PDB file of N, CA and C in Angstrom:
ATOM      1  N   MET A   1     -44.894 -22.040 -75.946  1.00  0.00           N
ATOM      2  CA  MET A   1     -43.650 -21.298 -76.113  1.00  0.00           C
ATOM      3  C   MET A   1     -42.925 -21.439 -74.553  1.00  0.00           C
ATOM      4  N   ASN A   2     -41.706 -21.710 -74.563  1.00  0.00           N
ATOM      5  CA  ASN A   2     -40.788 -21.945 -73.312  1.00  0.00           C
ATOM      6  C   ASN A   2     -40.325 -20.604 -72.972  1.00  0.00           C
ATOM      7  N   THR A   3     -40.849 -20.255 -71.793  1.00  0.00           N
ATOM      8  CA  THR A   3     -40.521 -18.881 -71.223  1.00  0.00           C
ATOM      9  C   THR A   3     -39.310 -19.093 -70.027  1.00  0.00           C
ATOM     10  N   THR A   4     -38.799 -20.223 -70.016  1.00  0.00           N
ATOM     11  CA  THR A   4     -37.843 -20.482 -68.879  1.00  0.00           C
ATOM     12  C   THR A   4     -36.566 -19.735 -69.308  1.00  0.00           C
ATOM     13  N   GLU A   5     -36.014 -19.049 -68.478  1.00  0.00           N
ATOM     14  CA  GLU A   5     -34.826 -18.404 -68.781  1.00  0.00           C
ATOM     15  C   GLU A   5     -33.595 -19.316 -68.486  1.00  0.00           C
ATOM     16  N   HIS A   6     -32.628 -19.385 -69.499  1.00  0.00           N
ATOM     17  CA  HIS A   6     -31.415 -20.355 -69.232  1.00  0.00           C
ATOM     18  C   HIS A   6     -30.236 -19.358 -69.205  1.00  0.00           C
ATOM     19  N   PRO A   7     -29.543 -19.269 -68.138  1.00  0.00           N
ATOM     20  CA  PRO A   7     -28.405 -18.392 -67.980  1.00  0.00           C
ATOM     21  C   PRO A   7     -27.370 -18.824 -68.885  1.00  0.00           C
ATOM     22  N   THR A   8     -26.572 -17.946 -69.662  1.00  0.00           N
ATOM     23  CA  THR A   8     -25.590 -18.335 -70.450  1.00  0.00           C
ATOM     24  C   THR A   8     -24.209 -18.350 -69.676  1.00  0.00           C
ATOM     25  N   THR A   9     -24.053 -17.611 -68.584  1.00  0.00           N
ATOM     26  CA  THR A   9     -22.746 -17.663 -67.939  1.00  0.00           C
ATOM     27  C   THR A   9     -22.703 -18.874 -66.926  1.00  0.00           C
ATOM     28  N   PRO A  10     -21.602 -19.550 -66.979  1.00  0.00           N
ATOM     29  CA  PRO A  10     -21.668 -20.567 -66.129  1.00  0.00           C
ATOM     30  C   PRO A  10     -21.435 -20.161 -64.543  1.00  0.00           C
ATOM     31  N   PRO A  11     -21.954 -20.987 -63.600  1.00  0.00           N
ATOM     32  CA  PRO A  11     -21.887 -20.494 -62.368  1.00  0.00           C
ATOM     33  C   PRO A  11     -20.277 -20.399 -61.816  1.00  0.00           C
ATOM     34  N   LEU A  12     -20.276 -19.642 -60.895  1.00  0.00           N
ATOM     35  CA  LEU A  12     -18.898 -19.607 -60.151  1.00  0.00           C
ATOM     36  C   LEU A  12     -18.879 -20.872 -59.340  1.00  0.00           C
ATOM     37  N   GLU A  13     -17.962 -21.730 -59.356  1.00  0.00           N
ATOM     38  CA  GLU A  13     -17.894 -22.890 -58.458  1.00  0.00           C
ATOM     39  C   GLU A  13     -16.783 -22.592 -57.277  1.00  0.00           C
ATOM     40  N   LEU A  14     -17.356 -22.724 -56.179  1.00  0.00           N
ATOM     41  CA  LEU A  14     -16.511 -22.440 -55.089  1.00  0.00           C
ATOM     42  C   LEU A  14     -16.206 -23.889 -54.549  1.00  0.00           C
ATOM     43  N   ALA A  15     -15.021 -24.151 -53.876  1.00  0.00           N
ATOM     44  CA  ALA A  15     -14.720 -25.427 -53.527  1.00  0.00           C
ATOM     45  C   ALA A  15     -13.673 -25.296 -52.192  1.00  0.00           C
ATOM     46  N   GLY A  16     -13.509 -26.590 -51.561  1.00  0.00           N
ATOM     47  CA  GLY A  16     -12.628 -26.376 -50.258  1.00  0.00           C
ATOM     48  C   GLY A  16     -13.249 -25.583 -49.252  1.00  0.00           C
ATOM     49  N   SER A  17     -12.342 -25.075 -48.495  1.00  0.00           N
ATOM     50  CA  SER A  17     -12.684 -24.385 -47.182  1.00  0.00           C
ATOM     51  C   SER A  17     -12.964 -22.871 -47.442  1.00  0.00           C
ATOM     52  N   LEU A  18     -14.055 -22.427 -46.926  1.00  0.00           N
ATOM     53  CA  LEU A  18     -14.304 -21.096 -46.871  1.00  0.00           C
ATOM     54  C   LEU A  18     -14.147 -20.503 -45.586  1.00  0.00           C
ATOM     55  N   SER A  19     -12.970 -19.924 -45.477  1.00  0.00           N
ATOM     56  CA  SER A  19     -12.399 -19.648 -44.084  1.00  0.00           C
ATOM     57  C   SER A  19     -11.603 -18.295 -44.125  1.00  0.00           C
ATOM     58  N   ILE A  20     -11.240 -17.955 -42.851  1.00  0.00           N
ATOM     59  CA  ILE A  20     -10.367 -16.753 -42.658  1.00  0.00           C
ATOM     60  C   ILE A  20      -9.076 -16.973 -43.443  1.00  0.00           C
ATOM     61  N   GLN A  21      -8.531 -18.174 -43.559  1.00  0.00           N
ATOM     62  CA  GLN A  21      -7.164 -18.471 -44.177  1.00  0.00           C
ATOM     63  C   GLN A  21      -7.213 -17.940 -45.667  1.00  0.00           C
ATOM     64  N   ASN A  22      -8.429 -18.212 -46.369  1.00  0.00           N
ATOM     65  CA  ASN A  22      -8.426 -17.748 -47.826  1.00  0.00           C
ATOM     66  C   ASN A  22      -9.585 -16.657 -48.105  1.00  0.00           C
ATOM     67  N   ALA A  23      -9.770 -16.013 -46.936  1.00  0.00           N
ATOM     68  CA  ALA A  23     -10.925 -14.853 -47.087  1.00  0.00           C
ATOM     69  C   ALA A  23     -10.460 -13.915 -48.134  1.00  0.00           C
ATOM     70  N   SER A  24      -9.194 -13.408 -48.269  1.00  0.00           N
ATOM     71  CA  SER A  24      -8.901 -12.291 -49.313  1.00  0.00           C
ATOM     72  C   SER A  24      -9.005 -12.795 -50.638  1.00  0.00           C
ATOM     73  N   ASN A  25      -8.567 -14.094 -50.854  1.00  0.00           N
ATOM     74  CA  ASN A  25      -8.762 -14.701 -52.223  1.00  0.00           C
ATOM     75  C   ASN A  25     -10.218 -15.042 -52.627  1.00  0.00           C
ATOM     76  N   LEU A  26     -10.961 -15.407 -51.710  1.00  0.00           N
ATOM     77  CA  LEU A  26     -12.500 -15.579 -51.852  1.00  0.00           C
ATOM     78  C   LEU A  26     -13.100 -14.243 -52.161  1.00  0.00           C
ATOM     79  N   LEU A  27     -12.735 -13.332 -51.335  1.00  0.00           N
ATOM     80  CA  LEU A  27     -13.433 -11.901 -51.744  1.00  0.00           C
ATOM     81  C   LEU A  27     -12.968 -11.527 -53.013  1.00  0.00           C
ATOM     82  N   ALA A  28     -11.749 -11.613 -53.414  1.00  0.00           N
ATOM     83  CA  ALA A  28     -11.537 -11.109 -54.788  1.00  0.00           C
ATOM     84  C   ALA A  28     -12.068 -11.769 -55.790  1.00  0.00           C
ATOM     85  N   GLU A  29     -12.341 -13.134 -55.623  1.00  0.00           N
ATOM     86  CA  GLU A  29     -12.901 -14.049 -56.626  1.00  0.00           C
ATOM     87  C   GLU A  29     -14.433 -13.700 -56.665  1.00  0.00           C
ATOM     88  N   LEU A  30     -15.113 -13.487 -55.622  1.00  0.00           N
ATOM     89  CA  LEU A  30     -16.458 -13.122 -55.507  1.00  0.00           C
ATOM     90  C   LEU A  30     -16.822 -11.790 -56.261  1.00  0.00           C
ATOM     91  N   LEU A  31     -16.020 -10.782 -55.721  1.00  0.00           N
ATOM     92  CA  LEU A  31     -16.152  -9.285 -56.395  1.00  0.00           C
ATOM     93  C   LEU A  31     -16.061  -9.342 -57.858  1.00  0.00           C
ATOM     94  N   GLN A  32     -15.189  -9.999 -58.325  1.00  0.00           N
ATOM     95  CA  GLN A  32     -14.828 -10.127 -59.857  1.00  0.00           C
ATOM     96  C   GLN A  32     -16.164 -10.771 -60.580  1.00  0.00           C
ATOM     97  N   PHE A  33     -16.448 -11.844 -59.878  1.00  0.00           N
ATOM     98  CA  PHE A  33     -17.657 -12.627 -60.651  1.00  0.00           C
ATOM     99  C   PHE A  33     -18.904 -11.828 -60.485  1.00  0.00           C
ATOM    100  N   LEU A  34     -19.168 -11.257 -59.254  1.00  0.00           N
ATOM    101  CA  LEU A  34     -20.428 -10.436 -59.122  1.00  0.00           C
ATOM    102  C   LEU A  34     -20.535  -9.209 -59.912  1.00  0.00           C
ATOM    103  N   GLU A  35     -19.407  -8.590 -60.211  1.00  0.00           N
ATOM    104  CA  GLU A  35     -19.361  -7.377 -60.994  1.00  0.00           C
ATOM    105  C   GLU A  35     -19.481  -7.619 -62.450  1.00  0.00           C
ATOM    106  N   SER A  36     -19.310  -8.884 -62.899  1.00  0.00           N
ATOM    107  CA  SER A  36     -19.150  -9.189 -64.413  1.00  0.00           C
ATOM    108  C   SER A  36     -20.491 -10.081 -64.799  1.00  0.00           C
ATOM    109  N   ASN A  37     -21.398 -10.386 -63.770  1.00  0.00           N
ATOM    110  CA  ASN A  37     -22.601 -11.094 -63.911  1.00  0.00           C
ATOM    111  C   ASN A  37     -23.947 -10.383 -63.537  1.00  0.00           C
ATOM    112  N   GLU A  38     -24.670 -10.303 -64.435  1.00  0.00           N
ATOM    113  CA  GLU A  38     -26.026  -9.484 -63.919  1.00  0.00           C
ATOM    114  C   GLU A  38     -26.818 -10.436 -62.998  1.00  0.00           C
ATOM    115  N   LYS A  39     -27.006 -11.693 -63.435  1.00  0.00           N
ATOM    116  CA  LYS A  39     -27.699 -12.695 -62.568  1.00  0.00           C
ATOM    117  C   LYS A  39     -26.864 -13.783 -62.055  1.00  0.00           C
ATOM    118  N   PRO A  40     -25.991 -13.526 -61.072  1.00  0.00           N
ATOM    119  CA  PRO A  40     -24.890 -14.474 -60.677  1.00  0.00           C
ATOM    120  C   PRO A  40     -25.531 -15.678 -60.082  1.00  0.00           C
ATOM    121  N   ARG A  41     -24.861 -16.859 -60.452  1.00  0.00           N
ATOM    122  CA  ARG A  41     -25.172 -18.016 -59.855  1.00  0.00           C
ATOM    123  C   ARG A  41     -23.730 -18.609 -59.156  1.00  0.00           C
ATOM    124  N   ILE A  42     -23.915 -19.091 -57.949  1.00  0.00           N
ATOM    125  CA  ILE A  42     -22.680 -19.506 -57.273  1.00  0.00           C
ATOM    126  C   ILE A  42     -22.963 -20.989 -56.793  1.00  0.00           C
ATOM    127  N   ASP A  43     -22.081 -21.892 -57.320  1.00  0.00           N
ATOM    128  CA  ASP A  43     -22.263 -23.225 -56.927  1.00  0.00           C
ATOM    129  C   ASP A  43     -21.458 -23.601 -55.759  1.00  0.00           C
ATOM    130  N   LEU A  44     -22.031 -24.007 -54.647  1.00  0.00           N
ATOM    131  CA  LEU A  44     -21.372 -24.299 -53.428  1.00  0.00           C
ATOM    132  C   LEU A  44     -21.179 -25.732 -53.136  1.00  0.00           C
ATOM    133  N   GLU A  45     -21.444 -26.676 -54.037  1.00  0.00           N
ATOM    134  CA  GLU A  45     -21.317 -28.070 -53.934  1.00  0.00           C
ATOM    135  C   GLU A  45     -19.856 -28.490 -53.514  1.00  0.00           C
ATOM    136  N   GLY A  46     -18.919 -27.925 -53.919  1.00  0.00           N
ATOM    137  CA  GLY A  46     -17.476 -28.188 -53.597  1.00  0.00           C
ATOM    138  C   GLY A  46     -17.019 -27.742 -52.225  1.00  0.00           C
ATOM    139  N   ILE A  47     -17.839 -27.141 -51.473  1.00  0.00           N
ATOM    140  CA  ILE A  47     -17.240 -26.649 -50.209  1.00  0.00           C
ATOM    141  C   ILE A  47     -17.288 -27.740 -49.263  1.00  0.00           C
ATOM    142  N   ASP A  48     -16.275 -27.961 -48.503  1.00  0.00           N
ATOM    143  CA  ASP A  48     -16.095 -28.946 -47.575  1.00  0.00           C
ATOM    144  C   ASP A  48     -16.229 -28.407 -46.055  1.00  0.00           C
ATOM    145  N   SER A  49     -15.798 -27.057 -45.941  1.00  0.00           N
ATOM    146  CA  SER A  49     -15.956 -26.540 -44.533  1.00  0.00           C
ATOM    147  C   SER A  49     -16.162 -24.922 -44.735  1.00  0.00           C
ATOM    148  N   VAL A  50     -16.767 -24.438 -43.669  1.00  0.00           N
ATOM    149  CA  VAL A  50     -16.965 -22.939 -43.633  1.00  0.00           C
ATOM    150  C   VAL A  50     -16.762 -22.539 -42.349  1.00  0.00           C
ATOM    151  N   ASP A  51     -16.169 -21.358 -42.069  1.00  0.00           N
ATOM    152  CA  ASP A  51     -16.232 -20.780 -40.614  1.00  0.00           C
ATOM    153  C   ASP A  51     -16.993 -19.346 -40.853  1.00  0.00           C
ATOM    154  N   THR A  52     -17.050 -18.476 -39.862  1.00  0.00           N
ATOM    155  CA  THR A  52     -17.951 -17.379 -39.751  1.00  0.00           C
ATOM    156  C   THR A  52     -17.458 -16.332 -40.698  1.00  0.00           C
ATOM    157  N   ILE A  53     -16.242 -16.140 -41.071  1.00  0.00           N
ATOM    158  CA  ILE A  53     -15.592 -15.223 -41.986  1.00  0.00           C
ATOM    159  C   ILE A  53     -16.151 -15.744 -43.381  1.00  0.00           C
ATOM    160  N   GLY A  54     -16.081 -16.899 -43.770  1.00  0.00           N
ATOM    161  CA  GLY A  54     -16.658 -17.475 -45.027  1.00  0.00           C
ATOM    162  C   GLY A  54     -18.114 -17.286 -45.189  1.00  0.00           C
ATOM    163  N   LEU A  55     -18.815 -17.452 -44.220  1.00  0.00           N
ATOM    164  CA  LEU A  55     -20.265 -17.346 -44.249  1.00  0.00           C
ATOM    165  C   LEU A  55     -20.543 -15.759 -44.317  1.00  0.00           C
ATOM    166  N   GLN A  56     -19.800 -14.935 -43.739  1.00  0.00           N
ATOM    167  CA  GLN A  56     -20.214 -13.540 -43.782  1.00  0.00           C
ATOM    168  C   GLN A  56     -19.831 -13.087 -45.151  1.00  0.00           C
ATOM    169  N   LEU A  57     -18.940 -13.617 -45.824  1.00  0.00           N
ATOM    170  CA  LEU A  57     -18.555 -13.190 -47.273  1.00  0.00           C
ATOM    171  C   LEU A  57     -19.569 -13.690 -48.087  1.00  0.00           C
ATOM    172  N   LEU A  58     -20.313 -14.765 -48.035  1.00  0.00           N
ATOM    173  CA  LEU A  58     -21.411 -15.338 -48.811  1.00  0.00           C
ATOM    174  C   LEU A  58     -22.592 -14.307 -48.524  1.00  0.00           C
ATOM    175  N   ILE A  59     -22.729 -13.998 -47.268  1.00  0.00           N
ATOM    176  CA  ILE A  59     -23.938 -13.130 -46.971  1.00  0.00           C
ATOM    177  C   ILE A  59     -23.802 -11.906 -47.524  1.00  0.00           C
ATOM    178  N   SER A  60     -22.554 -11.299 -47.511  1.00  0.00           N
ATOM    179  CA  SER A  60     -22.379 -10.086 -48.153  1.00  0.00           C
ATOM    180  C   SER A  60     -22.456 -10.004 -49.575  1.00  0.00           C
ATOM    181  N   ALA A  61     -22.108 -11.117 -50.185  1.00  0.00           N
ATOM    182  CA  ALA A  61     -22.299 -11.232 -51.636  1.00  0.00           C
ATOM    183  C   ALA A  61     -23.790 -11.270 -52.096  1.00  0.00           C
ATOM    184  N   SER A  62     -24.512 -11.832 -51.223  1.00  0.00           N
ATOM    185  CA  SER A  62     -26.015 -11.837 -51.570  1.00  0.00           C
ATOM    186  C   SER A  62     -26.796 -10.551 -51.178  1.00  0.00           C
ATOM    187  N   ALA A  63     -26.146  -9.813 -50.209  1.00  0.00           N
ATOM    188  CA  ALA A  63     -26.899  -8.581 -49.717  1.00  0.00           C
ATOM    189  C   ALA A  63     -27.166  -7.554 -50.883  1.00  0.00           C
ATOM    190  N   SER A  64     -26.235  -7.481 -51.886  1.00  0.00           N
ATOM    191  CA  SER A  64     -26.226  -6.422 -52.850  1.00  0.00           C
ATOM    192  C   SER A  64     -26.509  -7.087 -54.197  1.00  0.00           C
ATOM    193  N   ASN A  65     -26.657  -8.344 -54.192  1.00  0.00           N
ATOM    194  CA  ASN A  65     -26.831  -8.974 -55.559  1.00  0.00           C
ATOM    195  C   ASN A  65     -27.949  -9.851 -55.540  1.00  0.00           C
ATOM    196  N   ASP A  66     -28.558 -10.147 -56.666  1.00  0.00           N
ATOM    197  CA  ASP A  66     -29.663 -11.340 -56.731  1.00  0.00           C
ATOM    198  C   ASP A  66     -28.920 -12.713 -57.077  1.00  0.00           C
ATOM    199  N   VAL A  67     -28.243 -13.114 -56.043  1.00  0.00           N
ATOM    200  CA  VAL A  67     -27.522 -14.392 -56.285  1.00  0.00           C
ATOM    201  C   VAL A  67     -28.300 -15.711 -56.148  1.00  0.00           C
ATOM    202  N   THR A  68     -28.209 -16.440 -57.082  1.00  0.00           N
ATOM    203  CA  THR A  68     -28.763 -17.820 -56.947  1.00  0.00           C
ATOM    204  C   THR A  68     -27.915 -18.881 -56.472  1.00  0.00           C
ATOM    205  N   TRP A  69     -27.999 -19.427 -55.423  1.00  0.00           N
ATOM    206  CA  TRP A  69     -27.076 -20.414 -54.764  1.00  0.00           C
ATOM    207  C   TRP A  69     -27.382 -21.855 -55.128  1.00  0.00           C
ATOM    208  N   LEU A  70     -26.472 -22.391 -55.708  1.00  0.00           N
ATOM    209  CA  LEU A  70     -26.516 -23.864 -56.089  1.00  0.00           C
ATOM    210  C   LEU A  70     -25.890 -24.811 -55.245  1.00  0.00           C
ATOM    211  N   ASN A  71     -26.767 -25.868 -54.955  1.00  0.00           N
ATOM    212  CA  ASN A  71     -26.125 -26.905 -54.079  1.00  0.00           C
ATOM    213  C   ASN A  71     -25.489 -26.624 -52.850  1.00  0.00           C
ATOM    214  N   PRO A  72     -26.146 -25.916 -51.921  1.00  0.00           N
ATOM    215  CA  PRO A  72     -25.515 -25.428 -50.524  1.00  0.00           C
ATOM    216  C   PRO A  72     -25.273 -26.854 -49.812  1.00  0.00           C
ATOM    217  N   PRO A  73     -24.046 -27.008 -49.371  1.00  0.00           N
ATOM    218  CA  PRO A  73     -23.604 -28.280 -48.577  1.00  0.00           C
ATOM    219  C   PRO A  73     -24.170 -28.266 -47.110  1.00  0.00           C
ATOM    220  N   GLU A  74     -24.241 -29.406 -46.576  1.00  0.00           N
ATOM    221  CA  GLU A  74     -24.507 -29.643 -45.227  1.00  0.00           C
ATOM    222  C   GLU A  74     -23.717 -28.743 -44.250  1.00  0.00           C
ATOM    223  N   CYS A  75     -22.414 -28.677 -44.496  1.00  0.00           N
ATOM    224  CA  CYS A  75     -21.497 -27.884 -43.661  1.00  0.00           C
ATOM    225  C   CYS A  75     -22.031 -26.449 -43.604  1.00  0.00           C
ATOM    226  N   LEU A  76     -22.524 -25.888 -44.616  1.00  0.00           N
ATOM    227  CA  LEU A  76     -23.049 -24.608 -44.563  1.00  0.00           C
ATOM    228  C   LEU A  76     -24.314 -24.612 -43.772  1.00  0.00           C
ATOM    229  N   ARG A  77     -25.114 -25.414 -43.868  1.00  0.00           N
ATOM    230  CA  ARG A  77     -26.371 -25.352 -43.052  1.00  0.00           C
ATOM    231  C   ARG A  77     -25.997 -25.523 -41.529  1.00  0.00           C
ATOM    232  N   ASP A  78     -25.138 -26.310 -41.297  1.00  0.00           N
ATOM    233  CA  ASP A  78     -24.694 -26.459 -39.867  1.00  0.00           C
ATOM    234  C   ASP A  78     -24.197 -25.263 -39.309  1.00  0.00           C
ATOM    235  N   HIS A  79     -23.154 -24.619 -40.031  1.00  0.00           N
ATOM    236  CA  HIS A  79     -22.557 -23.392 -39.614  1.00  0.00           C
ATOM    237  C   HIS A  79     -23.633 -22.294 -39.339  1.00  0.00           C
ATOM    238  N   CYS A  80     -24.581 -22.118 -40.376  1.00  0.00           N
ATOM    239  CA  CYS A  80     -25.725 -21.155 -40.197  1.00  0.00           C
ATOM    240  C   CYS A  80     -26.506 -21.428 -39.014  1.00  0.00           C
ATOM    241  N   GLN A  81     -26.778 -22.609 -38.731  1.00  0.00           N
ATOM    242  CA  GLN A  81     -27.472 -23.108 -37.341  1.00  0.00           C
ATOM    243  C   GLN A  81     -26.601 -22.606 -36.175  1.00  0.00           C
ATOM    244  N   ALA A  82     -25.412 -22.845 -36.259  1.00  0.00           N
ATOM    245  CA  ALA A  82     -24.452 -22.644 -35.133  1.00  0.00           C
ATOM    246  C   ALA A  82     -24.249 -21.197 -34.767  1.00  0.00           C
ATOM    247  N   VAL A  83     -24.355 -20.280 -35.779  1.00  0.00           N
ATOM    248  CA  VAL A  83     -24.290 -18.825 -35.417  1.00  0.00           C
ATOM    249  C   VAL A  83     -25.753 -18.217 -35.388  1.00  0.00           C
ATOM    250  N   GLY A  84     -26.615 -18.845 -35.594  1.00  0.00           N
ATOM    251  CA  GLY A  84     -28.112 -18.391 -35.562  1.00  0.00           C
ATOM    252  C   GLY A  84     -28.376 -17.502 -36.722  1.00  0.00           C
ATOM    253  N   TYR A  85     -27.921 -17.949 -38.028  1.00  0.00           N
ATOM    254  CA  TYR A  85     -28.317 -17.300 -39.220  1.00  0.00           C
ATOM    255  C   TYR A  85     -29.358 -18.244 -40.059  1.00  0.00           C
ATOM    256  N   ASP A  86     -30.339 -17.636 -40.484  1.00  0.00           N
ATOM    257  CA  ASP A  86     -31.496 -18.478 -41.114  1.00  0.00           C
ATOM    258  C   ASP A  86     -31.004 -18.897 -42.376  1.00  0.00           C
ATOM    259  N   PHE A  87     -30.752 -20.352 -42.455  1.00  0.00           N
ATOM    260  CA  PHE A  87     -30.228 -21.125 -43.626  1.00  0.00           C
ATOM    261  C   PHE A  87     -31.225 -20.849 -44.831  1.00  0.00           C
ATOM    262  N   LYS A  88     -32.376 -20.494 -44.521  1.00  0.00           N
ATOM    263  CA  LYS A  88     -33.517 -20.205 -45.656  1.00  0.00           C
ATOM    264  C   LYS A  88     -32.999 -19.100 -46.725  1.00  0.00           C
ATOM    265  N   ASN A  89     -32.101 -18.231 -46.108  1.00  0.00           N
ATOM    266  CA  ASN A  89     -31.656 -17.324 -47.130  1.00  0.00           C
ATOM    267  C   ASN A  89     -30.629 -17.877 -48.308  1.00  0.00           C
ATOM    268  N   PHE A  90     -30.323 -19.040 -48.098  1.00  0.00           N
ATOM    269  CA  PHE A  90     -29.751 -19.800 -49.208  1.00  0.00           C
ATOM    270  C   PHE A  90     -30.622 -20.801 -49.885  1.00  0.00           C
ATOM    271  N   SER A  91     -31.938 -20.625 -49.629  1.00  0.00           N
ATOM    272  CA  SER A  91     -33.010 -21.589 -50.048  1.00  0.00           C
ATOM    273  C   SER A  91     -33.340 -21.322 -51.536  1.00  0.00           C
ATOM    274  N   ASN A  92     -32.780 -20.294 -52.234  1.00  0.00           N
ATOM    275  CA  ASN A  92     -33.171 -20.241 -53.624  1.00  0.00           C
ATOM    276  C   ASN A  92     -32.221 -21.161 -54.448  1.00  0.00           C
ATOM    277  N   GLN A  93     -31.797 -22.185 -53.792  1.00  0.00           N
ATOM    278  CA  GLN A  93     -30.905 -23.208 -54.588  1.00  0.00           C
ATOM    279  C   GLN A  93     -31.489 -23.808 -55.631  1.00  0.00           C
ATOM    280  N   GLN A  94     -30.766 -24.236 -56.639  1.00  0.00           N
ATOM    281  CA  GLN A  94     -31.186 -24.887 -57.898  1.00  0.00           C
ATOM    282  C   GLN A  94     -30.147 -26.057 -57.923  1.00  0.00           C
ATOM    283  N   SER A  95     -30.624 -27.071 -58.772  1.00  0.00           N
ATOM    284  CA  SER A  95     -29.827 -28.239 -59.039  1.00  0.00           C
ATOM    285  C   SER A  95     -28.825 -27.737 -60.164  1.00  0.00           C
ATOM    286  N   LYS A  96     -27.766 -28.409 -60.457  1.00  0.00           N
ATOM    287  CA  LYS A  96     -26.883 -28.114 -61.351  1.00  0.00           C
ATOM    288  C   LYS A  96     -27.380 -28.240 -62.791  1.00  0.00           C
ATOM    289  N   GLU A  97     -28.463 -29.036 -63.015  1.00  0.00           N
ATOM    290  CA  GLU A  97     -29.107 -29.246 -64.289  1.00  0.00           C
ATOM    291  C   GLU A  97     -29.707 -27.948 -64.847  1.00  0.00           C
ATOM    292  N   GLN A  98     -30.218 -27.102 -63.937  1.00  0.00           N
ATOM    293  CA  GLN A  98     -30.887 -25.864 -64.481  1.00  0.00           C
ATOM    294  C   GLN A  98     -30.044 -24.846 -65.090  1.00  0.00           C
TER     295      GLN A  98
END
C-alpha cells in the first residue's frame, strides 16, 4: 500500500525579485494562497533576487503555516546568511516532481 500523500493543489510559484518594491503584491498573493490551502507548497525556483523585506515575508508565511518550500534558490541562501537567518528553516524543500 502506498501511503505517500500527493498534494492536489499546485504550489504557488514565486518568480522574479522578492523586494520592497513588490512587497504589497507579494503579501496579498501569499495571504490569499495560504488562506485557501491547508498544506501550502511554495515553489521558489523562479526567484532571482531577494531583499530583507522579501525574506521577512517568507519567514512570516512559514511562522503560522506548515509551508513546504520547493526549490529554494542560491540567492535566498546568500541573503539568509547575510542577515544571520538560519537557512535550514527552508530545508523542508522538495523537488518539483514530488
